[in-house]
Protein backbone atom coordinates (compact mmCIF):
# COMPACT_ATOMS: atom_id res chain seq x y z
CA MET A 1 123.33 139.23 232.29
CA LYS A 2 121.53 136.56 230.26
CA LYS A 3 122.12 138.56 227.08
CA PHE A 4 125.87 138.72 227.76
CA SER A 5 125.94 135.00 228.50
CA PHE A 6 124.12 134.22 225.25
CA ILE A 7 126.49 136.38 223.20
CA PHE A 8 129.52 134.85 224.87
CA THR A 9 128.20 131.33 224.23
CA ALA A 10 127.45 132.17 220.59
CA ILE A 11 130.97 133.49 220.08
CA LEU A 12 132.46 130.48 221.80
CA PHE A 13 130.58 127.87 219.75
CA LEU A 14 130.20 129.61 216.38
CA ILE A 15 133.16 131.85 215.78
CA LEU A 16 135.99 130.24 217.75
CA PRO A 17 135.91 126.87 215.89
CA ALA A 18 136.20 128.70 212.57
CA LEU A 19 139.31 130.50 213.81
CA VAL A 20 140.93 127.44 215.31
CA ALA A 21 140.08 124.92 212.56
CA PRO A 22 143.07 124.03 210.38
CA SER A 23 143.08 125.45 206.91
CA CYS A 24 143.32 123.37 203.74
CA ASP A 25 146.66 125.04 203.00
CA SER A 26 148.32 123.33 205.94
CA ASN A 27 147.10 119.82 205.09
CA ARG A 28 150.08 118.18 203.41
CA GLY A 29 148.65 114.71 203.86
CA ASN A 30 146.68 114.90 200.62
CA ILE A 31 149.24 116.66 198.42
CA ILE A 32 150.22 113.55 196.48
CA PRO A 33 148.59 110.14 196.26
CA TYR A 34 149.64 107.78 199.04
CA VAL A 35 152.01 105.05 197.94
CA LYS A 36 153.41 102.51 200.37
CA VAL A 37 157.17 102.93 200.66
CA ASP A 38 159.31 100.28 202.34
CA LEU A 39 162.74 100.45 200.76
CA TYR A 40 166.02 98.99 202.02
CA LEU A 41 169.33 100.24 200.60
CA LEU A 42 172.82 99.05 201.47
CA LEU A 43 175.08 101.91 202.59
CA TYR A 44 178.27 100.38 201.20
CA ALA A 45 176.82 98.95 197.99
CA ASP A 46 173.72 100.85 196.80
CA LEU A 47 174.78 104.21 198.26
CA ALA A 48 178.59 103.95 198.08
CA ASP A 49 178.74 106.66 195.40
CA MET A 50 176.91 109.24 197.53
CA GLY A 51 179.13 111.81 199.15
CA ILE A 52 178.02 114.19 201.88
CA GLY A 53 175.76 116.85 200.36
CA SER A 54 174.90 114.77 197.32
CA ALA A 55 171.59 113.51 195.98
CA LYS A 56 170.54 110.29 194.28
CA VAL A 57 167.31 109.45 192.45
CA ILE A 58 165.62 106.12 193.17
CA SER A 59 163.19 105.61 190.28
CA ASN A 60 161.28 102.53 191.39
CA ALA A 61 159.83 103.83 194.69
CA GLY A 62 157.34 106.42 195.87
CA HIS A 63 154.80 108.05 193.59
CA GLN A 64 157.17 109.48 190.98
CA GLY A 65 160.41 108.17 192.44
CA ILE A 66 162.39 109.22 195.47
CA VAL A 67 165.32 111.58 195.77
CA LEU A 68 167.74 110.79 198.59
CA TYR A 69 169.82 113.58 200.09
CA ARG A 70 172.85 112.80 202.23
CA GLU A 71 173.37 115.59 204.73
CA ALA A 72 176.03 113.90 206.88
CA ASP A 73 177.82 110.57 207.09
CA LEU A 74 174.84 108.71 208.58
CA GLU A 75 172.08 111.27 207.99
CA PHE A 76 169.82 110.83 204.98
CA TYR A 77 166.59 112.51 203.89
CA ALA A 78 164.16 111.02 201.37
CA TYR A 79 161.65 113.04 199.35
CA ASP A 80 159.06 112.04 196.79
CA ARG A 81 159.85 113.52 193.38
CA THR A 82 156.24 114.56 192.67
CA CYS A 83 155.92 118.33 192.31
CA THR A 84 153.56 119.63 194.99
CA ARG A 85 152.16 122.23 192.60
CA PHE A 86 150.84 119.61 190.15
CA PRO A 87 150.28 116.41 192.17
CA ASP A 88 147.51 115.22 189.85
CA HIS A 89 149.60 115.72 186.70
CA ASP A 90 152.23 113.21 187.76
CA VAL A 91 155.09 115.60 187.17
CA ALA A 92 158.41 114.51 188.68
CA VAL A 93 161.03 117.05 189.63
CA VAL A 94 164.43 116.67 188.00
CA GLU A 95 167.86 117.70 189.18
CA ASP A 96 168.86 121.19 188.12
CA THR A 97 172.29 120.80 186.55
CA SER A 98 173.11 124.49 187.14
CA PHE A 99 172.68 124.41 190.92
CA PHE A 100 173.85 121.71 193.31
CA GLY A 101 171.09 120.17 195.48
CA VAL A 102 168.23 121.86 193.63
CA PHE A 103 165.41 119.97 191.93
CA GLU A 104 163.09 121.66 189.45
CA CYS A 105 159.62 120.92 188.11
CA PRO A 106 159.76 120.85 184.30
CA GLN A 107 156.11 121.92 184.07
CA CYS A 108 155.73 124.85 186.49
CA GLY A 109 159.38 125.84 187.04
CA SER A 110 159.21 125.53 190.83
CA THR A 111 162.57 124.75 192.40
CA PHE A 112 163.09 122.82 195.63
CA LEU A 113 166.25 123.14 197.73
CA LEU A 114 167.10 119.76 199.32
CA MET A 115 169.40 121.16 202.01
CA ASN A 116 166.49 123.28 203.22
CA GLY A 117 164.01 120.43 203.76
CA ALA A 118 163.02 120.41 200.06
CA GLU A 119 161.14 123.68 200.57
CA PRO A 120 160.15 125.55 197.41
CA ASN A 121 162.86 128.04 196.55
CA SER A 122 161.07 129.68 193.63
CA GLY A 123 158.02 129.21 191.44
CA PRO A 124 154.34 128.72 192.20
CA ALA A 125 154.67 125.62 194.45
CA ARG A 126 153.84 126.44 198.05
CA TYR A 127 154.65 123.15 199.78
CA PRO A 128 157.91 121.24 200.15
CA LEU A 129 158.37 117.86 198.53
CA VAL A 130 156.74 115.14 200.59
CA GLU A 131 159.27 113.58 202.94
CA TYR A 132 159.58 109.91 203.86
CA PHE A 133 161.06 108.56 207.09
CA THR A 134 164.61 107.23 207.09
CA SER A 135 166.51 105.13 209.61
CA ILE A 136 169.82 103.30 209.60
CA GLN A 137 170.10 99.81 211.01
CA GLY A 138 173.62 98.46 210.75
CA ASP A 139 174.71 99.10 207.17
CA VAL A 140 171.16 99.38 205.79
CA LEU A 141 169.18 102.56 205.12
CA HIS A 142 165.45 102.02 205.53
CA VAL A 143 163.13 104.47 203.73
CA TYR A 144 159.46 104.17 204.67
CA ASN A 145 156.17 105.91 205.40
């Protein structure tokens, strides 16, 4: 009985933590360098040209800029433009002129579909673009982390 108890204890303390521990692949917190984002945009001035389903690049925020995606009248998503395949190379994704709502990395060719949470659609990137929080207060869109 002591032998069984020892084996069970060894399995519990040695093997189980290795199976339960999160893998490096799921840690999106270190994909791109942290940059404080606290951006306020006026819905009827700064974003008046954005229709539903459209995207707009904000160059002076985030690590490599931010791309805003308007899913509905008062529903916005904000993503950092840094490609998650090459976060150390400072490569910003650019809008693919052939496909609406798709951004592409000019270095690795990965494409990210904004209407699908900026998940990689093709290419070697395995993680979606890093998303920032958004909230609307009155006629102001607040983008932050």
